[in-house]
């Protein structure tokens, strides 16, 4: 397993590109912004992105979804419990003074306990509502991707509407 971390956008979100080093099958987690940076890394590593996963649907974690989906054709995956937030992301961003193109309709809804395979890598979805109703974590061998369930040195905020 190879994990690439790119800090994206004005809110400094951790976007992860996780891939199987043998097959080069890849998953992009939380592409919040800076699609060009993400796409350059994907192209430089010659990765085949087969999934775009949003750990939750606030605008700062989904800002580059549209461009990534257009570039890779990969399905967009998130919890159905965050669908309404996801579909209002452009309005949510404007409340913070940012512009965001409405993201594409999600392709796959993730639920607690589901498995996601990336090449020979396996991840389990863990539902973690709090920061948003549909927050999820992805647990794989020796690693967990928490989105904003956990902040560096803190826990995720739970005081935002939606």
N, C-alpha and C. Protein backbone atom coordinates (compact mmCIF):
# COMPACT_ATOMS: atom_id res chain seq x y z
N UNK A 1 0.84 -1.18 0.00
CA UNK A 1 0.00 0.00 0.00
C UNK A 1 0.88 1.23 0.00
N UNK A 2 0.53 2.15 -0.87
CA UNK A 2 1.21 3.44 -0.91
C UNK A 2 0.16 4.51 -0.65
N UNK A 3 0.51 5.46 0.22
CA UNK A 3 -0.39 6.56 0.56
C UNK A 3 0.31 7.87 0.25
N UNK A 4 -0.31 8.66 -0.58
CA UNK A 4 0.18 10.00 -0.90
C UNK A 4 -0.77 11.00 -0.25
N UNK A 5 -0.25 11.98 0.45
CA UNK A 5 -1.05 13.02 1.09
C UNK A 5 -0.79 14.35 0.40
N UNK A 6 -1.86 15.01 0.00
CA UNK A 6 -1.76 16.35 -0.57
C UNK A 6 -2.67 17.25 0.26
N UNK A 7 -2.12 18.32 0.78
CA UNK A 7 -2.93 19.29 1.52
C UNK A 7 -3.51 20.26 0.49
N UNK A 8 -4.85 20.37 0.47
CA UNK A 8 -5.52 21.13 -0.59
C UNK A 8 -6.44 22.22 -0.04
N UNK A 9 -6.57 23.26 -0.83
CA UNK A 9 -7.55 24.30 -0.57
C UNK A 9 -7.20 25.25 0.54
N UNK A 10 -7.97 26.33 0.63
CA UNK A 10 -7.70 27.35 1.64
C UNK A 10 -7.91 26.87 3.08
N UNK A 11 -8.71 25.81 3.26
CA UNK A 11 -8.92 25.28 4.61
C UNK A 11 -7.96 24.13 4.93
N UNK A 12 -7.01 23.88 4.03
CA UNK A 12 -5.92 22.92 4.27
C UNK A 12 -6.42 21.52 4.61
N UNK A 13 -7.20 20.96 3.72
CA UNK A 13 -7.77 19.62 3.89
C UNK A 13 -6.76 18.58 3.43
N UNK A 14 -6.67 17.48 4.15
CA UNK A 14 -5.83 16.36 3.75
C UNK A 14 -6.57 15.51 2.73
N UNK A 15 -6.07 15.52 1.51
CA UNK A 15 -6.55 14.64 0.45
C UNK A 15 -5.56 13.49 0.37
N UNK A 16 -6.08 12.27 0.26
CA UNK A 16 -5.21 11.09 0.18
C UNK A 16 -5.43 10.36 -1.13
N UNK A 17 -4.34 9.92 -1.71
CA UNK A 17 -4.38 9.03 -2.85
C UNK A 17 -3.75 7.74 -2.37
N UNK A 18 -4.57 6.71 -2.31
CA UNK A 18 -4.14 5.41 -1.78
C UNK A 18 -4.14 4.44 -2.95
N UNK A 19 -3.01 3.72 -3.11
CA UNK A 19 -2.99 2.81 -4.24
C UNK A 19 -2.20 1.54 -3.95
N UNK A 20 -2.57 0.52 -4.73
CA UNK A 20 -1.90 -0.77 -4.73
C UNK A 20 -0.68 -0.62 -5.64
N UNK A 21 0.51 -0.79 -5.08
CA UNK A 21 1.74 -0.55 -5.84
C UNK A 21 1.93 -1.54 -6.99
N UNK A 22 1.28 -2.69 -6.92
CA UNK A 22 1.42 -3.68 -7.98
C UNK A 22 0.52 -3.36 -9.17
N UNK A 23 -0.76 -3.15 -8.90
CA UNK A 23 -1.73 -2.92 -9.98
C UNK A 23 -1.87 -1.45 -10.36
N UNK A 24 -1.44 -0.55 -9.47
CA UNK A 24 -1.59 0.90 -9.61
C UNK A 24 -3.05 1.34 -9.57
N UNK A 25 -3.93 0.44 -9.09
CA UNK A 25 -5.33 0.80 -8.84
C UNK A 25 -5.33 1.78 -7.67
N UNK A 26 -6.09 2.87 -7.80
CA UNK A 26 -6.03 3.94 -6.80
C UNK A 26 -7.42 4.41 -6.38
N UNK A 27 -7.45 4.96 -5.17
CA UNK A 27 -8.64 5.59 -4.61
C UNK A 27 -8.22 6.98 -4.15
N UNK A 28 -9.02 7.99 -4.48
CA UNK A 28 -8.79 9.34 -4.00
C UNK A 28 -9.79 9.60 -2.89
N UNK A 29 -9.28 10.01 -1.73
CA UNK A 29 -10.12 10.29 -0.57
C UNK A 29 -10.11 11.80 -0.30
N UNK A 30 -11.29 12.38 -0.21
CA UNK A 30 -11.47 13.79 0.14
C UNK A 30 -10.73 14.77 -0.78
N UNK A 31 -11.08 14.77 -2.07
CA UNK A 31 -10.48 15.73 -2.99
C UNK A 31 -11.13 17.11 -2.82
N UNK A 32 -10.69 17.84 -1.82
CA UNK A 32 -11.35 19.08 -1.43
C UNK A 32 -11.14 20.27 -2.34
N UNK A 33 -10.05 20.30 -3.08
CA UNK A 33 -9.73 21.45 -3.94
C UNK A 33 -8.46 21.10 -4.71
N UNK A 34 -7.98 22.05 -5.48
CA UNK A 34 -6.71 21.89 -6.19
C UNK A 34 -6.67 20.64 -7.07
N UNK A 35 -7.70 20.49 -7.90
CA UNK A 35 -7.78 19.31 -8.77
C UNK A 35 -6.51 19.13 -9.60
N UNK A 36 -5.93 20.22 -10.07
CA UNK A 36 -4.72 20.12 -10.87
C UNK A 36 -3.58 19.43 -10.15
N UNK A 37 -3.40 19.76 -8.86
CA UNK A 37 -2.35 19.11 -8.06
C UNK A 37 -2.61 17.61 -7.93
N UNK A 38 -3.86 17.27 -7.68
CA UNK A 38 -4.23 15.86 -7.51
C UNK A 38 -4.02 15.11 -8.82
N UNK A 39 -4.48 15.68 -9.90
CA UNK A 39 -4.37 15.03 -11.21
C UNK A 39 -2.90 14.88 -11.62
N UNK A 40 -2.08 15.87 -11.34
CA UNK A 40 -0.64 15.76 -11.66
C UNK A 40 -0.01 14.57 -10.94
N UNK A 41 -0.33 14.40 -9.65
CA UNK A 41 0.23 13.27 -8.90
C UNK A 41 -0.26 11.95 -9.50
N UNK A 42 -1.54 11.88 -9.81
CA UNK A 42 -2.11 10.67 -10.42
C UNK A 42 -1.38 10.36 -11.73
N UNK A 43 -1.22 11.37 -12.57
CA UNK A 43 -0.55 11.17 -13.86
C UNK A 43 0.93 10.82 -13.68
N UNK A 44 1.61 11.50 -12.77
CA UNK A 44 3.04 11.23 -12.53
C UNK A 44 3.27 9.78 -12.09
N UNK A 45 2.35 9.24 -11.29
CA UNK A 45 2.49 7.87 -10.78
C UNK A 45 1.87 6.84 -11.72
N UNK A 46 1.21 7.33 -12.79
CA UNK A 46 0.54 6.46 -13.76
C UNK A 46 -0.54 5.60 -13.10
N UNK A 47 -1.31 6.23 -12.21
CA UNK A 47 -2.34 5.52 -11.45
C UNK A 47 -3.65 5.44 -12.23
N UNK A 48 -4.39 4.38 -11.95
CA UNK A 48 -5.73 4.19 -12.49
C UNK A 48 -6.72 4.40 -11.35
N UNK A 49 -7.33 5.57 -11.29
CA UNK A 49 -8.26 5.88 -10.20
C UNK A 49 -9.58 5.16 -10.45
N UNK A 50 -9.96 4.30 -9.52
CA UNK A 50 -11.20 3.54 -9.66
C UNK A 50 -12.28 3.96 -8.67
N UNK A 51 -11.95 4.89 -7.75
CA UNK A 51 -12.92 5.36 -6.77
C UNK A 51 -12.55 6.76 -6.30
N UNK A 52 -13.57 7.56 -6.07
CA UNK A 52 -13.43 8.85 -5.41
C UNK A 52 -14.32 8.77 -4.18
N UNK A 53 -13.71 8.80 -3.00
CA UNK A 53 -14.46 8.62 -1.75
C UNK A 53 -14.46 9.91 -0.96
N UNK A 54 -15.64 10.33 -0.54
CA UNK A 54 -15.79 11.51 0.32
C UNK A 54 -16.14 11.02 1.72
N UNK A 55 -15.28 11.32 2.69
CA UNK A 55 -15.56 10.88 4.06
C UNK A 55 -16.73 11.63 4.66
N UNK A 56 -17.02 12.78 4.11
CA UNK A 56 -18.26 13.50 4.40
C UNK A 56 -18.40 14.56 3.33
N UNK A 57 -19.51 15.30 3.33
CA UNK A 57 -19.85 16.10 2.16
C UNK A 57 -19.74 17.61 2.33
N UNK A 58 -19.02 18.10 3.31
CA UNK A 58 -18.82 19.55 3.38
C UNK A 58 -17.96 19.98 2.20
N UNK A 59 -18.17 21.21 1.75
CA UNK A 59 -17.56 21.71 0.51
C UNK A 59 -16.05 21.58 0.50
N UNK A 60 -15.40 21.71 1.65
CA UNK A 60 -13.93 21.69 1.67
C UNK A 60 -13.35 20.31 1.42
N UNK A 61 -14.20 19.28 1.44
CA UNK A 61 -13.74 17.91 1.16
C UNK A 61 -14.17 17.40 -0.21
N UNK A 62 -14.99 18.18 -0.93
CA UNK A 62 -15.50 17.68 -2.21
C UNK A 62 -15.27 18.64 -3.38
N UNK A 63 -14.54 19.71 -3.17
CA UNK A 63 -14.39 20.75 -4.18
C UNK A 63 -13.79 20.32 -5.50
N UNK A 64 -12.99 19.27 -5.52
CA UNK A 64 -12.36 18.82 -6.78
C UNK A 64 -13.02 17.56 -7.34
N UNK A 65 -14.13 17.14 -6.76
CA UNK A 65 -14.79 15.90 -7.20
C UNK A 65 -15.18 15.98 -8.68
N UNK A 66 -15.80 17.08 -9.09
CA UNK A 66 -16.27 17.19 -10.48
C UNK A 66 -15.11 17.01 -11.47
N UNK A 67 -14.02 17.73 -11.26
CA UNK A 67 -12.88 17.64 -12.18
C UNK A 67 -12.25 16.24 -12.16
N UNK A 68 -12.15 15.65 -10.97
CA UNK A 68 -11.56 14.30 -10.89
C UNK A 68 -12.44 13.27 -11.59
N UNK A 69 -13.74 13.36 -11.38
CA UNK A 69 -14.64 12.42 -12.05
C UNK A 69 -14.56 12.60 -13.56
N UNK A 70 -14.54 13.86 -14.02
CA UNK A 70 -14.42 14.11 -15.46
C UNK A 70 -13.13 13.54 -16.03
N UNK A 71 -12.03 13.64 -15.28
CA UNK A 71 -10.72 13.17 -15.75
C UNK A 71 -10.61 11.65 -15.71
N UNK A 72 -11.12 11.03 -14.62
CA UNK A 72 -10.88 9.61 -14.40
C UNK A 72 -12.06 8.71 -14.73
N UNK A 73 -13.27 9.25 -14.69
CA UNK A 73 -14.46 8.43 -14.86
C UNK A 73 -14.80 7.60 -13.64
N UNK A 74 -14.04 7.76 -12.56
CA UNK A 74 -14.24 6.97 -11.35
C UNK A 74 -15.56 7.34 -10.67
N UNK A 75 -16.22 6.36 -10.06
CA UNK A 75 -17.46 6.66 -9.35
C UNK A 75 -17.20 7.47 -8.08
N UNK A 76 -18.15 8.34 -7.77
CA UNK A 76 -18.11 9.13 -6.55
C UNK A 76 -18.88 8.36 -5.48
N UNK A 77 -18.24 8.18 -4.32
CA UNK A 77 -18.81 7.37 -3.24
C UNK A 77 -18.89 8.18 -1.95
N UNK A 78 -20.04 8.12 -1.28
CA UNK A 78 -20.21 8.77 0.02
C UNK A 78 -21.41 8.15 0.70
N UNK A 79 -21.62 8.51 1.95
CA UNK A 79 -22.77 8.02 2.70
C UNK A 79 -24.03 8.71 2.21
N UNK A 80 -25.10 7.94 2.08
CA UNK A 80 -26.39 8.52 1.68
C UNK A 80 -26.86 9.56 2.69
N UNK A 81 -26.43 9.42 3.94
CA UNK A 81 -26.83 10.36 4.98
C UNK A 81 -26.27 11.76 4.75
N UNK A 82 -25.31 11.89 3.85
CA UNK A 82 -24.75 13.20 3.51
C UNK A 82 -25.21 13.70 2.14
N UNK A 83 -26.15 13.00 1.53
CA UNK A 83 -26.60 13.37 0.18
C UNK A 83 -27.09 14.82 0.11
N UNK A 84 -27.95 15.23 1.04
CA UNK A 84 -28.50 16.60 1.00
C UNK A 84 -27.39 17.65 1.13
N UNK A 85 -26.44 17.41 2.02
CA UNK A 85 -25.32 18.34 2.18
C UNK A 85 -24.50 18.39 0.89
N UNK A 86 -24.23 17.23 0.33
CA UNK A 86 -23.45 17.13 -0.90
C UNK A 86 -24.10 17.93 -2.03
N UNK A 87 -25.42 17.80 -2.17
CA UNK A 87 -26.12 18.45 -3.26
C UNK A 87 -26.29 19.96 -3.03
N UNK A 88 -26.00 20.43 -1.82
CA UNK A 88 -26.05 21.87 -1.52
C UNK A 88 -24.65 22.45 -1.34
N UNK A 89 -23.63 21.75 -1.75
CA UNK A 89 -22.25 22.17 -1.49
C UNK A 89 -21.93 23.54 -2.06
N UNK A 90 -22.48 23.87 -3.22
CA UNK A 90 -22.20 25.18 -3.81
C UNK A 90 -22.73 26.30 -2.91
N UNK A 91 -23.91 26.11 -2.35
CA UNK A 91 -24.47 27.13 -1.44
C UNK A 91 -23.70 27.17 -0.12
N UNK A 92 -23.30 26.01 0.35
CA UNK A 92 -22.51 25.94 1.59
C UNK A 92 -21.20 26.70 1.42
N UNK A 93 -20.54 26.51 0.30
CA UNK A 93 -19.26 27.19 0.04
C UNK A 93 -19.46 28.70 -0.01
N UNK A 94 -20.55 29.15 -0.60
CA UNK A 94 -20.77 30.60 -0.72
C UNK A 94 -20.96 31.25 0.65
N UNK A 95 -21.48 30.52 1.62
CA UNK A 95 -21.61 31.05 2.98
C UNK A 95 -20.25 31.37 3.60
N UNK A 96 -19.22 30.67 3.14
CA UNK A 96 -17.85 30.87 3.64
C UNK A 96 -17.05 31.78 2.72
N UNK A 97 -17.71 32.29 1.68
CA UNK A 97 -17.02 33.20 0.76
C UNK A 97 -16.26 32.51 -0.36
N UNK A 98 -16.56 31.23 -0.61
CA UNK A 98 -15.89 30.47 -1.66
C UNK A 98 -16.87 30.16 -2.78
N UNK A 99 -16.32 29.92 -3.97
CA UNK A 99 -17.13 29.47 -5.09
C UNK A 99 -16.84 28.01 -5.36
N UNK A 100 -17.89 27.27 -5.66
CA UNK A 100 -17.74 25.84 -5.93
C UNK A 100 -18.77 25.44 -6.96
N UNK A 101 -18.34 24.76 -8.01
CA UNK A 101 -19.28 24.21 -8.97
C UNK A 101 -20.01 23.05 -8.30
N UNK A 102 -21.29 22.94 -8.58
CA UNK A 102 -22.06 21.85 -7.99
C UNK A 102 -21.41 20.51 -8.37
N UNK A 103 -21.16 19.64 -7.40
CA UNK A 103 -20.53 18.35 -7.72
C UNK A 103 -21.48 17.44 -8.49
N UNK A 104 -20.93 16.45 -9.19
CA UNK A 104 -21.78 15.51 -9.92
C UNK A 104 -22.58 14.64 -8.96
N UNK A 105 -23.65 14.11 -9.46
CA UNK A 105 -24.48 13.22 -8.66
C UNK A 105 -23.63 12.04 -8.17
N UNK A 106 -23.77 11.63 -6.91
CA UNK A 106 -22.99 10.49 -6.42
C UNK A 106 -23.38 9.20 -7.16
N UNK A 107 -22.42 8.31 -7.30
CA UNK A 107 -22.65 7.04 -8.00
C UNK A 107 -22.95 5.89 -7.05
N UNK A 108 -22.30 5.90 -5.89
CA UNK A 108 -22.42 4.77 -4.95
C UNK A 108 -22.56 5.32 -3.55
N UNK A 109 -23.53 4.79 -2.81
CA UNK A 109 -23.70 5.17 -1.41
C UNK A 109 -23.03 4.13 -0.53
N UNK A 110 -22.27 4.60 0.43
CA UNK A 110 -21.54 3.72 1.34
C UNK A 110 -22.28 3.60 2.66
N UNK A 111 -22.24 2.41 3.24
CA UNK A 111 -22.89 2.16 4.52
C UNK A 111 -21.91 1.46 5.46
N UNK A 112 -22.20 1.56 6.74
CA UNK A 112 -21.35 0.95 7.76
C UNK A 112 -21.11 -0.53 7.46
N UNK A 113 -19.85 -0.93 7.54
CA UNK A 113 -19.48 -2.33 7.36
C UNK A 113 -19.18 -2.73 5.93
N UNK A 114 -19.50 -1.88 4.97
CA UNK A 114 -19.20 -2.23 3.58
C UNK A 114 -17.70 -2.30 3.36
N UNK A 115 -17.31 -3.06 2.36
CA UNK A 115 -15.90 -3.22 2.01
C UNK A 115 -15.62 -2.50 0.69
N UNK A 116 -14.46 -1.87 0.62
CA UNK A 116 -13.97 -1.25 -0.61
C UNK A 116 -12.63 -1.87 -0.92
N UNK A 117 -12.49 -2.38 -2.14
CA UNK A 117 -11.23 -2.97 -2.58
C UNK A 117 -10.54 -2.03 -3.56
N UNK A 118 -9.25 -1.89 -3.38
CA UNK A 118 -8.41 -1.09 -4.27
C UNK A 118 -7.25 -2.01 -4.64
N UNK A 119 -7.30 -2.60 -5.82
CA UNK A 119 -6.33 -3.63 -6.15
C UNK A 119 -6.44 -4.74 -5.12
N UNK A 120 -5.33 -5.08 -4.47
CA UNK A 120 -5.33 -6.11 -3.43
C UNK A 120 -5.54 -5.54 -2.03
N UNK A 121 -5.81 -4.24 -1.94
CA UNK A 121 -6.02 -3.58 -0.65
C UNK A 121 -7.50 -3.63 -0.29
N UNK A 122 -7.78 -3.77 1.00
CA UNK A 122 -9.16 -3.87 1.47
C UNK A 122 -9.40 -2.84 2.57
N UNK A 123 -10.53 -2.15 2.47
CA UNK A 123 -10.92 -1.14 3.45
C UNK A 123 -12.36 -1.38 3.88
N UNK A 124 -12.62 -1.12 5.15
CA UNK A 124 -13.97 -1.25 5.69
C UNK A 124 -14.50 0.13 6.03
N UNK A 125 -15.75 0.37 5.67
CA UNK A 125 -16.42 1.63 5.97
C UNK A 125 -16.93 1.58 7.40
N UNK A 126 -16.62 2.63 8.16
CA UNK A 126 -17.12 2.77 9.53
C UNK A 126 -17.92 4.07 9.58
N UNK A 127 -19.22 3.96 9.87
CA UNK A 127 -20.07 5.14 9.96
C UNK A 127 -19.69 5.92 11.22
N UNK A 128 -19.40 7.22 11.07
CA UNK A 128 -19.00 8.06 12.20
C UNK A 128 -19.72 9.41 12.13
N UNK A 129 -21.04 9.41 12.33
CA UNK A 129 -21.76 10.69 12.29
C UNK A 129 -21.31 11.59 13.43
N UNK A 130 -21.47 12.87 13.23
CA UNK A 130 -21.08 13.84 14.25
C UNK A 130 -20.68 15.13 13.58
N UNK A 131 -19.60 15.12 12.84
CA UNK A 131 -19.19 16.31 12.08
C UNK A 131 -20.20 16.57 10.97
N UNK A 132 -20.77 15.49 10.46
CA UNK A 132 -21.89 15.55 9.52
C UNK A 132 -22.71 14.28 9.75
N UNK A 133 -23.96 14.26 9.32
CA UNK A 133 -24.79 13.06 9.55
C UNK A 133 -24.23 11.80 8.91
N UNK A 134 -23.54 11.96 7.77
CA UNK A 134 -23.05 10.79 7.04
C UNK A 134 -21.55 10.62 7.07
N UNK A 135 -20.89 11.15 8.07
CA UNK A 135 -19.45 11.00 8.15
C UNK A 135 -19.04 9.54 8.20
N UNK A 136 -17.95 9.22 7.50
CA UNK A 136 -17.42 7.85 7.53
C UNK A 136 -15.91 7.89 7.73
N UNK A 137 -15.40 6.77 8.20
CA UNK A 137 -13.96 6.51 8.22
C UNK A 137 -13.71 5.29 7.35
N UNK A 138 -12.52 5.16 6.83
CA UNK A 138 -12.12 3.98 6.07
C UNK A 138 -10.98 3.32 6.82
N UNK A 139 -11.19 2.05 7.18
CA UNK A 139 -10.19 1.30 7.94
C UNK A 139 -9.59 0.22 7.05
N UNK A 140 -8.25 0.24 6.96
CA UNK A 140 -7.53 -0.79 6.23
C UNK A 140 -6.42 -1.31 7.12
N UNK A 141 -5.68 -2.29 6.65
CA UNK A 141 -4.62 -2.88 7.45
C UNK A 141 -3.60 -1.82 7.87
N UNK A 142 -3.59 -1.51 9.17
CA UNK A 142 -2.61 -0.58 9.72
C UNK A 142 -2.89 0.89 9.49
N UNK A 143 -4.08 1.23 8.96
CA UNK A 143 -4.36 2.63 8.64
C UNK A 143 -5.86 2.91 8.76
N UNK A 144 -6.18 4.15 9.15
CA UNK A 144 -7.57 4.60 9.13
C UNK A 144 -7.60 6.03 8.60
N UNK A 145 -8.53 6.28 7.71
CA UNK A 145 -8.74 7.62 7.16
C UNK A 145 -10.01 8.16 7.81
N UNK A 146 -9.86 9.26 8.56
CA UNK A 146 -10.94 9.72 9.43
C UNK A 146 -11.68 10.95 8.93
N UNK A 147 -11.27 11.55 7.82
CA UNK A 147 -11.92 12.79 7.40
C UNK A 147 -11.81 13.80 8.52
N UNK A 148 -12.93 14.41 8.88
CA UNK A 148 -12.93 15.36 10.00
C UNK A 148 -13.55 14.78 11.25
N UNK A 149 -13.60 13.46 11.35
CA UNK A 149 -14.03 12.83 12.60
C UNK A 149 -13.01 13.15 13.69
N UNK A 150 -11.74 13.15 13.30
CA UNK A 150 -10.65 13.49 14.21
C UNK A 150 -9.80 14.55 13.52
N UNK A 151 -9.49 15.62 14.24
CA UNK A 151 -8.56 16.64 13.77
C UNK A 151 -7.20 16.35 14.40
N UNK A 152 -6.15 16.90 13.84
CA UNK A 152 -4.82 16.77 14.44
C UNK A 152 -4.87 17.35 15.85
N UNK A 153 -4.67 16.51 16.85
CA UNK A 153 -4.64 16.95 18.24
C UNK A 153 -6.00 17.28 18.81
N UNK A 154 -7.10 16.87 18.14
CA UNK A 154 -8.43 17.23 18.60
C UNK A 154 -9.45 16.27 18.01
N UNK A 155 -10.71 16.54 18.29
CA UNK A 155 -11.80 15.81 17.64
C UNK A 155 -12.46 16.74 16.64
N UNK A 156 -13.20 16.18 15.71
CA UNK A 156 -13.88 17.00 14.71
C UNK A 156 -14.98 17.84 15.33
N UNK A 157 -15.22 18.98 14.73
CA UNK A 157 -16.29 19.87 15.21
C UNK A 157 -17.64 19.25 14.92
N UNK A 158 -18.57 19.46 15.84
CA UNK A 158 -19.92 18.95 15.66
C UNK A 158 -20.95 20.07 15.73
N UNK A 159 -20.51 21.31 15.63
CA UNK A 159 -21.42 22.44 15.80
C UNK A 159 -21.84 23.10 14.49
N UNK A 160 -21.50 22.50 13.35
CA UNK A 160 -21.93 23.07 12.08
C UNK A 160 -23.32 22.55 11.73
N UNK A 161 -24.17 23.40 11.13
CA UNK A 161 -25.45 22.87 10.66
C UNK A 161 -25.21 21.88 9.53
N UNK A 162 -25.94 20.76 9.54
CA UNK A 162 -25.78 19.75 8.49
C UNK A 162 -24.47 19.08 8.64
